């Protein structure tokens, strides 16, 4: 009789074990899925928190400041950018920005300096200072040098190419230059004046 009871007990335990095991095996899987869902929710909340800080603006978008107005809000003149900026994006927390043109742009300034803008201009902007700048270069003698930093010092702007810097009066940048002819567009033929993608360089 004892042997029979022991046999029944063993069979019962075995059956219980077989019934319970599938549920035990599901617990780690359910735990992983819950953790994944929590991570996803946290990531979405984080991105929704950052989205107001990182704003993209296209030219003509109503209610949003233009790239030129944004420059002025950081104490820079509008003439740092040529006419024709199609849009920009700015991370208000870090100051990182990108400004976009339809294409590359070049012109002469003050009759001696030649400037070239890429289709994308990037950097980090704070009040009176632009650092880590890329997308703008100046021709000095026969060499093209990247302008990497712009600072406002009173009524002057200091442009740095890394190894050297030069100051210019802010009065030179109160008007936006035009691709191809800079600030002297009236002296050029009509076909160049009306086609800003044509470079005078």
N, C-alpha and C. Protein backbone atom coordinates (compact mmCIF):
# COMPACT_ATOMS: atom_id res chain seq x y z
N UNK A 1 0.84 -1.19 0.00
CA UNK A 1 0.00 0.00 0.00
C UNK A 1 0.88 1.25 0.00
N UNK A 2 1.90 1.26 0.84
CA UNK A 2 2.82 2.40 0.89
C UNK A 2 3.49 2.64 -0.45
N UNK A 3 3.84 1.53 -1.09
CA UNK A 3 4.47 1.67 -2.40
C UNK A 3 3.52 2.30 -3.39
N UNK A 4 2.23 1.93 -3.31
CA UNK A 4 1.22 2.48 -4.22
C UNK A 4 1.03 3.95 -3.97
N UNK A 5 0.93 4.35 -2.68
CA UNK A 5 0.75 5.77 -2.34
C UNK A 5 1.95 6.58 -2.79
N UNK A 6 3.12 6.02 -2.55
CA UNK A 6 4.34 6.73 -2.97
C UNK A 6 4.36 6.92 -4.49
N UNK A 7 3.88 5.86 -5.18
CA UNK A 7 3.87 5.94 -6.64
C UNK A 7 2.89 7.00 -7.11
N UNK A 8 1.70 7.06 -6.45
CA UNK A 8 0.69 8.08 -6.80
C UNK A 8 1.22 9.46 -6.49
N UNK A 9 1.85 9.59 -5.30
CA UNK A 9 2.41 10.89 -4.91
C UNK A 9 3.46 11.36 -5.89
N UNK A 10 4.32 10.47 -6.32
CA UNK A 10 5.38 10.83 -7.27
C UNK A 10 4.79 11.26 -8.59
N UNK A 11 3.75 10.51 -9.03
CA UNK A 11 3.09 10.85 -10.30
C UNK A 11 2.41 12.21 -10.21
N UNK A 12 1.78 12.46 -9.04
CA UNK A 12 1.08 13.75 -8.85
C UNK A 12 2.07 14.90 -8.87
N UNK A 13 3.20 14.73 -8.16
CA UNK A 13 4.23 15.77 -8.15
C UNK A 13 4.76 16.01 -9.55
N UNK A 14 4.94 14.90 -10.29
CA UNK A 14 5.48 15.02 -11.65
C UNK A 14 4.51 15.79 -12.54
N UNK A 15 3.18 15.44 -12.38
CA UNK A 15 2.18 16.14 -13.17
C UNK A 15 2.13 17.62 -12.81
N UNK A 16 2.17 17.92 -11.48
CA UNK A 16 2.15 19.32 -11.04
C UNK A 16 3.34 20.07 -11.61
N UNK A 17 4.50 19.40 -11.59
CA UNK A 17 5.72 20.04 -12.07
C UNK A 17 5.60 20.35 -13.56
N UNK A 18 4.98 19.44 -14.32
CA UNK A 18 4.84 19.65 -15.75
C UNK A 18 3.85 20.77 -16.03
N UNK A 19 2.84 20.91 -15.16
CA UNK A 19 1.84 21.97 -15.34
C UNK A 19 2.41 23.33 -14.97
N UNK A 20 3.25 23.39 -13.96
CA UNK A 20 3.77 24.66 -13.47
C UNK A 20 4.91 25.17 -14.34
N UNK A 21 5.75 24.30 -14.86
CA UNK A 21 6.95 24.72 -15.59
C UNK A 21 6.70 25.72 -16.71
N UNK A 22 5.67 25.53 -17.56
CA UNK A 22 5.48 26.51 -18.64
C UNK A 22 5.26 27.92 -18.11
N UNK A 23 4.56 28.08 -17.01
CA UNK A 23 4.33 29.40 -16.44
C UNK A 23 5.61 29.99 -15.87
N UNK A 24 6.40 29.13 -15.23
CA UNK A 24 7.67 29.59 -14.69
C UNK A 24 8.57 30.08 -15.82
N UNK A 25 8.55 29.38 -16.94
CA UNK A 25 9.39 29.76 -18.07
C UNK A 25 8.93 31.08 -18.70
N UNK A 26 7.65 31.42 -18.58
CA UNK A 26 7.12 32.66 -19.15
C UNK A 26 7.51 33.89 -18.35
N UNK A 27 7.81 33.71 -17.07
CA UNK A 27 8.09 34.87 -16.20
C UNK A 27 9.25 35.72 -16.70
N UNK A 28 10.42 35.14 -17.06
CA UNK A 28 11.51 35.99 -17.58
C UNK A 28 11.13 36.72 -18.86
N UNK A 29 10.37 36.04 -19.75
CA UNK A 29 9.95 36.67 -21.01
C UNK A 29 9.05 37.86 -20.74
N UNK A 30 8.07 37.68 -19.86
CA UNK A 30 7.17 38.79 -19.51
C UNK A 30 7.95 39.93 -18.87
N UNK A 31 8.92 39.59 -18.03
CA UNK A 31 9.74 40.61 -17.39
C UNK A 31 10.52 41.43 -18.40
N UNK A 32 11.10 40.75 -19.40
CA UNK A 32 11.85 41.45 -20.45
C UNK A 32 10.95 42.38 -21.24
N UNK A 33 9.73 41.92 -21.56
CA UNK A 33 8.80 42.74 -22.33
C UNK A 33 8.38 43.98 -21.53
N UNK A 34 8.17 43.81 -20.24
CA UNK A 34 7.80 44.95 -19.40
C UNK A 34 8.93 45.96 -19.34
N UNK A 35 10.19 45.46 -19.18
CA UNK A 35 11.34 46.36 -19.15
C UNK A 35 11.48 47.12 -20.47
N UNK A 36 11.27 46.39 -21.58
CA UNK A 36 11.36 47.04 -22.90
C UNK A 36 10.32 48.14 -23.04
N UNK A 37 9.08 47.85 -22.58
CA UNK A 37 8.01 48.86 -22.65
C UNK A 37 8.34 50.07 -21.79
N UNK A 38 8.91 49.84 -20.62
CA UNK A 38 9.28 50.96 -19.73
C UNK A 38 10.35 51.82 -20.38
N UNK A 39 11.37 51.18 -20.99
CA UNK A 39 12.43 51.92 -21.66
C UNK A 39 11.87 52.75 -22.81
N UNK A 40 10.93 52.15 -23.55
CA UNK A 40 10.32 52.86 -24.69
C UNK A 40 9.54 54.07 -24.21
N UNK A 41 8.78 53.91 -23.14
CA UNK A 41 7.99 55.02 -22.60
C UNK A 41 8.90 56.14 -22.11
N UNK A 42 9.98 55.77 -21.41
CA UNK A 42 10.93 56.78 -20.91
C UNK A 42 11.58 57.52 -22.08
N UNK A 43 11.95 56.79 -23.15
CA UNK A 43 12.57 57.42 -24.32
C UNK A 43 11.61 58.40 -24.98
N UNK A 44 10.33 58.01 -25.10
CA UNK A 44 9.34 58.89 -25.72
C UNK A 44 9.12 60.14 -24.88
N UNK A 45 9.07 59.97 -23.57
CA UNK A 45 8.91 61.13 -22.69
C UNK A 45 10.11 62.06 -22.79
N UNK A 46 11.31 61.48 -22.89
CA UNK A 46 12.54 62.28 -23.01
C UNK A 46 12.54 63.07 -24.31
N UNK A 47 12.16 62.41 -25.42
CA UNK A 47 12.13 63.09 -26.71
C UNK A 47 11.06 64.18 -26.74
N UNK A 48 9.91 63.92 -26.12
CA UNK A 48 8.86 64.94 -26.10
C UNK A 48 9.29 66.13 -25.26
N UNK A 49 10.14 65.89 -24.27
CA UNK A 49 10.65 66.99 -23.45
C UNK A 49 11.66 67.83 -24.22
N UNK A 50 12.45 67.17 -25.09
CA UNK A 50 13.47 67.90 -25.85
C UNK A 50 12.92 68.60 -27.07
N UNK A 51 11.81 68.13 -27.61
CA UNK A 51 11.32 68.65 -28.88
C UNK A 51 11.10 70.15 -28.90
N UNK A 52 10.63 70.81 -27.81
CA UNK A 52 10.51 72.25 -27.87
C UNK A 52 11.86 72.95 -27.94
N UNK A 53 12.93 72.30 -27.44
CA UNK A 53 14.24 72.94 -27.43
C UNK A 53 14.88 72.91 -28.81
N UNK A 54 14.59 71.86 -29.56
CA UNK A 54 15.22 71.71 -30.88
C UNK A 54 14.18 72.02 -31.92
N UNK A 55 14.25 73.20 -32.53
CA UNK A 55 13.21 73.64 -33.44
C UNK A 55 13.75 73.80 -34.84
N UNK A 56 12.99 73.32 -35.81
CA UNK A 56 13.34 73.51 -37.21
C UNK A 56 12.39 74.51 -37.84
N UNK A 57 12.94 75.46 -38.61
CA UNK A 57 12.12 76.51 -39.20
C UNK A 57 12.46 76.63 -40.67
N UNK A 58 11.42 76.72 -41.50
CA UNK A 58 11.61 76.93 -42.93
C UNK A 58 11.23 78.36 -43.29
N UNK A 59 11.84 78.86 -44.35
CA UNK A 59 11.59 80.24 -44.77
C UNK A 59 10.11 80.44 -45.03
N UNK A 60 9.58 81.54 -44.53
CA UNK A 60 8.18 81.87 -44.74
C UNK A 60 7.23 81.23 -43.75
N UNK A 61 7.73 80.45 -42.81
CA UNK A 61 6.87 79.81 -41.83
C UNK A 61 6.32 80.86 -40.89
N UNK A 62 4.99 80.92 -40.80
CA UNK A 62 4.35 81.99 -40.05
C UNK A 62 4.60 81.86 -38.56
N UNK A 63 4.81 83.00 -37.91
CA UNK A 63 4.96 83.02 -36.46
C UNK A 63 6.36 82.74 -35.96
N UNK A 64 7.19 82.11 -36.76
CA UNK A 64 8.55 81.75 -36.32
C UNK A 64 9.52 82.85 -36.74
N UNK A 65 10.52 83.16 -35.90
CA UNK A 65 11.52 84.16 -36.30
C UNK A 65 12.36 83.64 -37.46
N UNK A 66 12.78 84.55 -38.31
CA UNK A 66 13.67 84.16 -39.41
C UNK A 66 15.08 83.93 -38.85
N UNK A 67 15.94 83.36 -39.68
CA UNK A 67 17.34 83.15 -39.28
C UNK A 67 18.00 84.49 -38.97
N UNK A 68 17.61 85.53 -39.70
CA UNK A 68 18.20 86.86 -39.51
C UNK A 68 17.73 87.48 -38.18
N UNK A 69 16.47 87.29 -37.87
CA UNK A 69 15.94 87.77 -36.58
C UNK A 69 16.58 87.01 -35.42
N UNK A 70 16.84 85.73 -35.65
CA UNK A 70 17.49 84.93 -34.61
C UNK A 70 18.90 85.45 -34.34
N UNK A 71 19.63 85.80 -35.41
CA UNK A 71 20.96 86.39 -35.24
C UNK A 71 20.88 87.64 -34.38
N UNK A 72 19.91 88.50 -34.65
CA UNK A 72 19.76 89.74 -33.89
C UNK A 72 19.45 89.48 -32.42
N UNK A 73 18.70 88.42 -32.16
CA UNK A 73 18.38 88.10 -30.76
C UNK A 73 19.62 87.67 -29.97
N UNK A 74 20.68 87.25 -30.69
CA UNK A 74 21.95 86.90 -30.05
C UNK A 74 22.98 88.02 -30.19
N UNK A 75 22.51 89.22 -30.54
CA UNK A 75 23.35 90.41 -30.60
C UNK A 75 24.31 90.42 -31.79
N UNK A 76 23.89 89.79 -32.89
CA UNK A 76 24.67 89.81 -34.12
C UNK A 76 23.88 90.53 -35.21
N UNK A 77 24.57 91.17 -36.15
CA UNK A 77 23.87 91.83 -37.27
C UNK A 77 23.40 90.80 -38.30
N UNK A 78 22.38 91.17 -39.06
CA UNK A 78 21.80 90.25 -40.04
C UNK A 78 22.77 89.91 -41.16
N UNK A 79 23.74 90.80 -41.43
CA UNK A 79 24.64 90.62 -42.56
C UNK A 79 25.66 89.52 -42.40
N UNK A 80 25.64 88.80 -41.28
CA UNK A 80 26.52 87.63 -41.17
C UNK A 80 26.08 86.52 -42.12
N UNK A 81 24.81 86.54 -42.48
CA UNK A 81 24.29 85.55 -43.42
C UNK A 81 23.90 86.24 -44.72
N UNK A 82 24.11 85.59 -45.85
CA UNK A 82 23.67 86.18 -47.11
C UNK A 82 22.16 86.04 -47.26
N UNK A 83 21.62 86.75 -48.24
CA UNK A 83 20.19 86.59 -48.55
C UNK A 83 19.94 85.18 -49.05
N UNK A 84 18.73 84.70 -48.80
CA UNK A 84 18.35 83.40 -49.37
C UNK A 84 18.42 82.22 -48.43
N UNK A 85 18.51 82.46 -47.10
CA UNK A 85 18.49 81.33 -46.16
C UNK A 85 17.10 80.69 -46.22
N UNK A 86 17.05 79.40 -46.48
CA UNK A 86 15.77 78.71 -46.66
C UNK A 86 15.21 78.13 -45.36
N UNK A 87 16.03 78.03 -44.34
CA UNK A 87 15.55 77.49 -43.07
C UNK A 87 16.70 77.28 -42.11
N UNK A 88 16.36 76.92 -40.89
CA UNK A 88 17.38 76.65 -39.88
C UNK A 88 16.80 75.76 -38.81
N UNK A 89 17.66 75.16 -38.02
CA UNK A 89 17.23 74.49 -36.79
C UNK A 89 18.17 74.86 -35.67
N UNK A 90 17.62 74.91 -34.48
CA UNK A 90 18.37 75.39 -33.31
C UNK A 90 18.00 74.59 -32.08
N UNK A 91 19.01 74.12 -31.38
CA UNK A 91 18.82 73.52 -30.06
C UNK A 91 19.02 74.64 -29.05
N UNK A 92 17.95 75.12 -28.46
CA UNK A 92 18.03 76.27 -27.57
C UNK A 92 18.80 75.95 -26.29
N UNK A 93 18.90 74.67 -25.96
CA UNK A 93 19.60 74.28 -24.73
C UNK A 93 21.12 74.35 -24.91
N UNK A 94 21.61 73.84 -26.05
CA UNK A 94 23.06 73.81 -26.28
C UNK A 94 23.54 74.94 -27.18
N UNK A 95 22.63 75.56 -27.93
CA UNK A 95 23.02 76.60 -28.88
C UNK A 95 23.47 76.06 -30.23
N UNK A 96 23.42 74.75 -30.42
CA UNK A 96 23.81 74.18 -31.71
C UNK A 96 22.79 74.57 -32.77
N UNK A 97 23.27 74.94 -33.95
CA UNK A 97 22.37 75.37 -35.01
C UNK A 97 22.87 74.91 -36.37
N UNK A 98 21.95 74.87 -37.31
CA UNK A 98 22.25 74.67 -38.73
C UNK A 98 21.40 75.68 -39.50
N UNK A 99 22.00 76.33 -40.46
CA UNK A 99 21.27 77.22 -41.37
C UNK A 99 21.47 76.70 -42.78
N UNK A 100 20.44 76.82 -43.61
CA UNK A 100 20.47 76.19 -44.92
C UNK A 100 20.26 77.20 -46.05
N UNK A 101 21.06 77.05 -47.10
CA UNK A 101 20.91 77.81 -48.33
C UNK A 101 20.55 76.84 -49.46
N UNK A 102 20.03 77.38 -50.55
CA UNK A 102 19.68 76.51 -51.69
C UNK A 102 20.90 75.87 -52.32
N UNK A 103 22.04 76.52 -52.18
CA UNK A 103 23.28 75.99 -52.74
C UNK A 103 24.45 76.78 -52.19
N UNK A 104 25.63 76.51 -52.69
CA UNK A 104 26.79 77.27 -52.23
C UNK A 104 26.68 78.71 -52.72
N UNK A 105 27.36 79.60 -52.02
CA UNK A 105 27.21 81.03 -52.26
C UNK A 105 28.56 81.70 -52.06
N UNK A 106 28.96 82.55 -52.98
CA UNK A 106 30.24 83.25 -52.82
C UNK A 106 30.14 84.66 -53.38
N UNK A 107 30.96 85.55 -52.84
CA UNK A 107 30.95 86.95 -53.27
C UNK A 107 32.17 87.66 -52.70
N UNK A 108 32.47 88.83 -53.22
CA UNK A 108 33.57 89.65 -52.72
C UNK A 108 33.00 90.68 -51.75
N UNK A 109 33.79 91.00 -50.74
CA UNK A 109 33.37 91.97 -49.72
C UNK A 109 34.48 93.01 -49.56
N UNK A 110 34.09 94.27 -49.54
CA UNK A 110 35.01 95.39 -49.40
C UNK A 110 36.08 95.38 -50.49
N UNK A 111 35.78 94.74 -51.62
CA UNK A 111 36.67 94.78 -52.76
C UNK A 111 37.90 93.90 -52.65
N UNK A 112 38.14 93.30 -51.48
CA UNK A 112 39.35 92.51 -51.32
C UNK A 112 39.10 91.12 -50.77
N UNK A 113 38.20 91.01 -49.78
CA UNK A 113 37.94 89.72 -49.17
C UNK A 113 36.89 88.97 -49.97
N UNK A 114 37.15 87.71 -50.18
CA UNK A 114 36.20 86.85 -50.88
C UNK A 114 35.67 85.81 -49.90
N UNK A 115 34.37 85.72 -49.81
CA UNK A 115 33.72 84.81 -48.88
C UNK A 115 32.98 83.72 -49.63
N UNK A 116 32.95 82.55 -49.03
CA UNK A 116 32.22 81.42 -49.61
C UNK A 116 31.39 80.75 -48.52
N UNK A 117 30.11 80.53 -48.81
CA UNK A 117 29.20 79.87 -47.88
C UNK A 117 28.78 78.53 -48.51
N UNK A 118 28.81 77.48 -47.71
CA UNK A 118 28.29 76.20 -48.17
C UNK A 118 26.77 76.19 -48.08
N UNK A 119 26.15 75.13 -48.56
CA UNK A 119 24.69 75.04 -48.51
C UNK A 119 24.20 74.80 -47.07
N UNK A 120 25.12 74.38 -46.18
CA UNK A 120 24.77 74.18 -44.77
C UNK A 120 25.82 74.85 -43.90
N UNK A 121 25.37 75.71 -42.99
CA UNK A 121 26.27 76.42 -42.07
C UNK A 121 25.91 75.96 -40.66
N UNK A 122 26.90 75.49 -39.93
CA UNK A 122 26.66 74.93 -38.60
C UNK A 122 27.57 75.58 -37.57
N UNK A 123 27.14 75.51 -36.32
CA UNK A 123 27.97 76.03 -35.24
C UNK A 123 27.21 76.01 -33.93
N UNK A 124 27.77 76.74 -32.97
CA UNK A 124 27.13 76.87 -31.65
C UNK A 124 27.07 78.36 -31.32
N UNK A 125 25.87 78.85 -31.04
CA UNK A 125 25.69 80.27 -30.84
C UNK A 125 25.27 80.58 -29.40
N UNK A 126 25.90 81.59 -28.84
CA UNK A 126 25.48 82.17 -27.57
C UNK A 126 25.50 83.68 -27.78
N UNK A 127 25.09 84.42 -26.80
CA UNK A 127 25.01 85.87 -26.98
C UNK A 127 26.40 86.46 -27.26
N UNK A 128 26.54 87.05 -28.45
CA UNK A 128 27.79 87.70 -28.83
C UNK A 128 28.91 86.77 -29.24
N UNK A 129 28.63 85.46 -29.41
CA UNK A 129 29.71 84.53 -29.76
C UNK A 129 29.16 83.35 -30.56
N UNK A 130 29.85 83.03 -31.65
CA UNK A 130 29.55 81.83 -32.44
C UNK A 130 30.83 81.00 -32.50
N UNK A 131 30.76 79.77 -32.04
CA UNK A 131 31.94 78.90 -32.01
C UNK A 131 31.65 77.63 -32.82
N UNK A 132 32.73 76.85 -33.05
CA UNK A 132 32.64 75.58 -33.79
C UNK A 132 31.92 75.79 -35.12
N UNK A 133 32.23 76.91 -35.74
CA UNK A 133 31.57 77.28 -36.99
C UNK A 133 32.12 76.48 -38.16
N UNK A 134 31.25 76.05 -39.03
CA UNK A 134 31.66 75.38 -40.26
C UNK A 134 30.73 75.81 -41.39
N UNK A 135 31.26 75.80 -42.60
CA UNK A 135 30.44 76.15 -43.76
C UNK A 135 30.73 77.53 -44.32
N UNK A 136 31.62 78.30 -43.67
CA UNK A 136 31.99 79.63 -44.18
C UNK A 136 33.51 79.70 -44.28
N UNK A 137 33.99 80.15 -45.42
CA UNK A 137 35.44 80.28 -45.61
C UNK A 137 35.76 81.62 -46.26
N UNK A 138 36.99 82.08 -46.05
CA UNK A 138 37.45 83.35 -46.60
C UNK A 138 38.74 83.11 -47.38
N UNK A 139 38.88 83.82 -48.49
CA UNK A 139 40.09 83.67 -49.29
C UNK A 139 41.09 84.74 -48.89
N UNK A 140 42.24 84.30 -48.41
CA UNK A 140 43.32 85.19 -48.02
C UNK A 140 44.49 84.91 -48.95
N UNK A 141 44.84 85.90 -49.77
CA UNK A 141 45.83 85.75 -50.82
C UNK A 141 45.38 84.62 -51.76
N UNK A 142 46.04 83.48 -51.72
CA UNK A 142 45.64 82.40 -52.62
C UNK A 142 45.04 81.22 -51.86
N UNK A 143 44.88 81.37 -50.54
CA UNK A 143 44.41 80.25 -49.71
C UNK A 143 42.99 80.50 -49.21
N UNK A 144 42.20 79.43 -49.19
CA UNK A 144 40.88 79.48 -48.57
C UNK A 144 40.99 78.95 -47.14
N UNK A 145 40.55 79.76 -46.18
CA UNK A 145 40.61 79.39 -44.76
C UNK A 145 39.20 79.34 -44.18
N UNK A 146 38.95 78.36 -43.34
CA UNK A 146 37.64 78.24 -42.71
C UNK A 146 37.52 79.22 -41.54
N UNK A 147 36.43 79.97 -41.52
CA UNK A 147 36.13 80.82 -40.37
C UNK A 147 35.52 79.92 -39.30
N UNK A 148 36.14 79.84 -38.14
CA UNK A 148 35.72 78.89 -37.11
C UNK A 148 35.04 79.57 -35.92
N UNK A 149 35.17 80.90 -35.84
CA UNK A 149 34.59 81.59 -34.68
C UNK A 149 34.33 83.06 -35.02
N UNK A 150 33.22 83.57 -34.49
CA UNK A 150 32.89 84.99 -34.64
C UNK A 150 32.50 85.51 -33.26
N UNK A 151 33.11 86.63 -32.87
CA UNK A 151 32.78 87.25 -31.59
C UNK A 151 32.41 88.72 -31.80
N UNK A 152 31.49 89.18 -31.01
CA UNK A 152 31.18 90.60 -31.04
C UNK A 152 31.93 91.29 -29.90
N UNK A 153 32.74 92.29 -30.26
CA UNK A 153 33.45 93.11 -29.28
C UNK A 153 33.01 94.56 -29.45
N UNK A 154 32.01 94.94 -28.69
CA UNK A 154 31.48 96.30 -28.82
C UNK A 154 30.88 96.52 -30.19
N UNK A 155 31.44 97.45 -30.95
CA UNK A 155 30.94 97.76 -32.29
C UNK A 155 31.77 97.08 -33.38
N UNK A 156 32.53 96.07 -32.99
CA UNK A 156 33.34 95.32 -33.95
C UNK A 156 33.00 93.84 -33.90
N UNK A 157 33.24 93.17 -35.01
CA UNK A 157 33.13 91.72 -35.06
C UNK A 157 34.52 91.14 -35.30
N UNK A 158 34.89 90.17 -34.50
CA UNK A 158 36.18 89.50 -34.64
C UNK A 158 35.98 88.14 -35.29
N UNK A 159 36.61 87.94 -36.44
CA UNK A 159 36.52 86.69 -37.18
C UNK A 159 37.83 85.92 -36.99
N UNK A 160 37.70 84.66 -36.59
CA UNK A 160 38.89 83.83 -36.36
C UNK A 160 38.93 82.68 -37.35
N UNK A 161 40.13 82.43 -37.89
CA UNK A 161 40.34 81.26 -38.75
C UNK A 161 41.20 80.23 -38.03
N UNK A 162 41.32 80.38 -36.72
CA UNK A 162 42.09 79.43 -35.91
C UNK A 162 43.48 79.92 -35.63
N UNK A 163 44.25 80.19 -36.67
CA UNK A 163 45.63 80.64 -36.47
C UNK A 163 45.74 82.16 -36.43
N UNK A 164 44.70 82.85 -36.83
CA UNK A 164 44.73 84.32 -36.84
C UNK A 164 43.30 84.83 -36.79
N UNK A 165 43.17 86.11 -36.49
CA UNK A 165 41.84 86.73 -36.43
C UNK A 165 41.93 88.16 -36.94
N UNK A 166 40.78 88.72 -37.31
CA UNK A 166 40.73 90.10 -37.80
C UNK A 166 39.43 90.74 -37.35
N UNK A 167 39.49 92.03 -37.05
CA UNK A 167 38.31 92.78 -36.60
C UNK A 167 37.76 93.62 -37.74
N UNK A 168 36.41 93.70 -37.79
CA UNK A 168 35.73 94.53 -38.77
C UNK A 168 34.61 95.28 -38.07
N UNK A 169 34.34 96.48 -38.53
CA UNK A 169 33.25 97.26 -37.96
C UNK A 169 31.92 96.57 -38.22
N UNK A 170 31.05 96.64 -37.24
CA UNK A 170 29.74 96.01 -37.38
C UNK A 170 28.92 96.68 -38.47
N UNK A 171 29.29 97.92 -38.83
CA UNK A 171 28.58 98.65 -39.88
C UNK A 171 28.66 97.93 -41.22
N UNK A 172 29.68 97.10 -41.41
CA UNK A 172 29.84 96.36 -42.66
C UNK A 172 28.85 95.20 -42.80
N UNK A 173 28.12 94.92 -41.71
CA UNK A 173 27.26 93.73 -41.72
C UNK A 173 25.80 94.06 -41.37
N UNK A 174 25.43 95.31 -41.56
CA UNK A 174 24.06 95.71 -41.25
C UNK A 174 23.09 95.31 -42.36
N UNK A 175 23.63 95.02 -43.54
CA UNK A 175 22.81 94.60 -44.68
C UNK A 175 23.27 93.22 -45.13
N UNK A 176 22.33 92.37 -45.49
CA UNK A 176 22.68 91.02 -45.96
C UNK A 176 23.28 91.08 -47.36
N UNK A 177 24.44 90.50 -47.57
CA UNK A 177 25.00 90.44 -48.93
C UNK A 177 24.21 89.46 -49.79
N UNK A 178 24.35 89.60 -51.08
CA UNK A 178 23.66 88.72 -52.02
C UNK A 178 24.68 87.82 -52.69
N UNK A 179 24.32 86.57 -52.83
CA UNK A 179 25.21 85.63 -53.50
C UNK A 179 25.54 86.13 -54.90
N UNK A 180 26.82 86.12 -55.23
CA UNK A 180 27.25 86.55 -56.55
C UNK A 180 27.79 87.95 -56.58
N UNK A 181 27.09 88.89 -55.89
CA UNK A 181 27.51 90.29 -55.99
C UNK A 181 27.73 90.96 -54.65
N UNK A 182 27.50 90.27 -53.55
CA UNK A 182 27.76 90.85 -52.23
C UNK A 182 26.90 92.06 -51.96
N UNK A 183 27.54 93.20 -51.68
CA UNK A 183 26.82 94.45 -51.39
C UNK A 183 26.88 95.41 -52.56
N UNK A 184 27.48 95.00 -53.66
CA UNK A 184 27.67 95.89 -54.80
C UNK A 184 26.93 95.34 -56.03
N UNK A 185 25.65 95.02 -55.84
CA UNK A 185 24.90 94.38 -56.92
C UNK A 185 24.49 95.36 -58.02
N UNK A 186 24.39 96.65 -57.72
CA UNK A 186 23.93 97.62 -58.72
C UNK A 186 24.91 97.79 -59.87
N UNK A 187 26.18 97.45 -59.63
CA UNK A 187 27.19 97.65 -60.67
C UNK A 187 27.33 96.46 -61.60
N UNK A 188 26.55 95.39 -61.33
CA UNK A 188 26.66 94.18 -62.15
C UNK A 188 25.57 94.13 -63.20
N UNK A 189 25.76 93.37 -64.30
CA UNK A 189 24.72 93.21 -65.30
C UNK A 189 23.45 92.61 -64.70
N UNK A 190 22.32 92.89 -65.34
CA UNK A 190 21.03 92.43 -64.82
C UNK A 190 20.97 90.92 -64.66
N UNK A 191 21.59 90.17 -65.60
CA UNK A 191 21.49 88.71 -65.55
C UNK A 191 22.15 88.14 -64.31
N UNK A 192 23.21 88.79 -63.80
CA UNK A 192 23.86 88.33 -62.57
C UNK A 192 23.08 88.82 -61.35
N UNK A 193 22.60 90.08 -61.43
CA UNK A 193 21.89 90.65 -60.30
C UNK A 193 20.60 89.89 -60.01
N UNK A 194 19.96 89.36 -61.04
CA UNK A 194 18.70 88.65 -60.84
C UNK A 194 18.89 87.17 -60.64
N UNK A 195 20.12 86.70 -60.73
CA UNK A 195 20.41 85.28 -60.53
C UNK A 195 21.46 85.13 -59.44
N UNK A 196 21.02 85.11 -58.17
CA UNK A 196 21.98 85.09 -57.06
C UNK A 196 22.82 83.85 -56.97
N UNK A 197 22.50 82.80 -57.72
CA UNK A 197 23.33 81.59 -57.67
C UNK A 197 24.60 81.75 -58.49
N UNK A 198 24.67 82.81 -59.33
CA UNK A 198 25.88 83.06 -60.12
C UNK A 198 26.90 83.77 -59.25
N UNK A 199 28.09 83.23 -59.19
CA UNK A 199 29.12 83.77 -58.32
C UNK A 199 29.99 84.77 -59.08
N UNK A 200 30.38 85.83 -58.37
CA UNK A 200 31.29 86.81 -58.97
C UNK A 200 32.73 86.41 -58.75
N UNK A 201 32.95 85.30 -58.09
CA UNK A 201 34.32 84.86 -57.79
C UNK A 201 34.73 83.79 -58.78
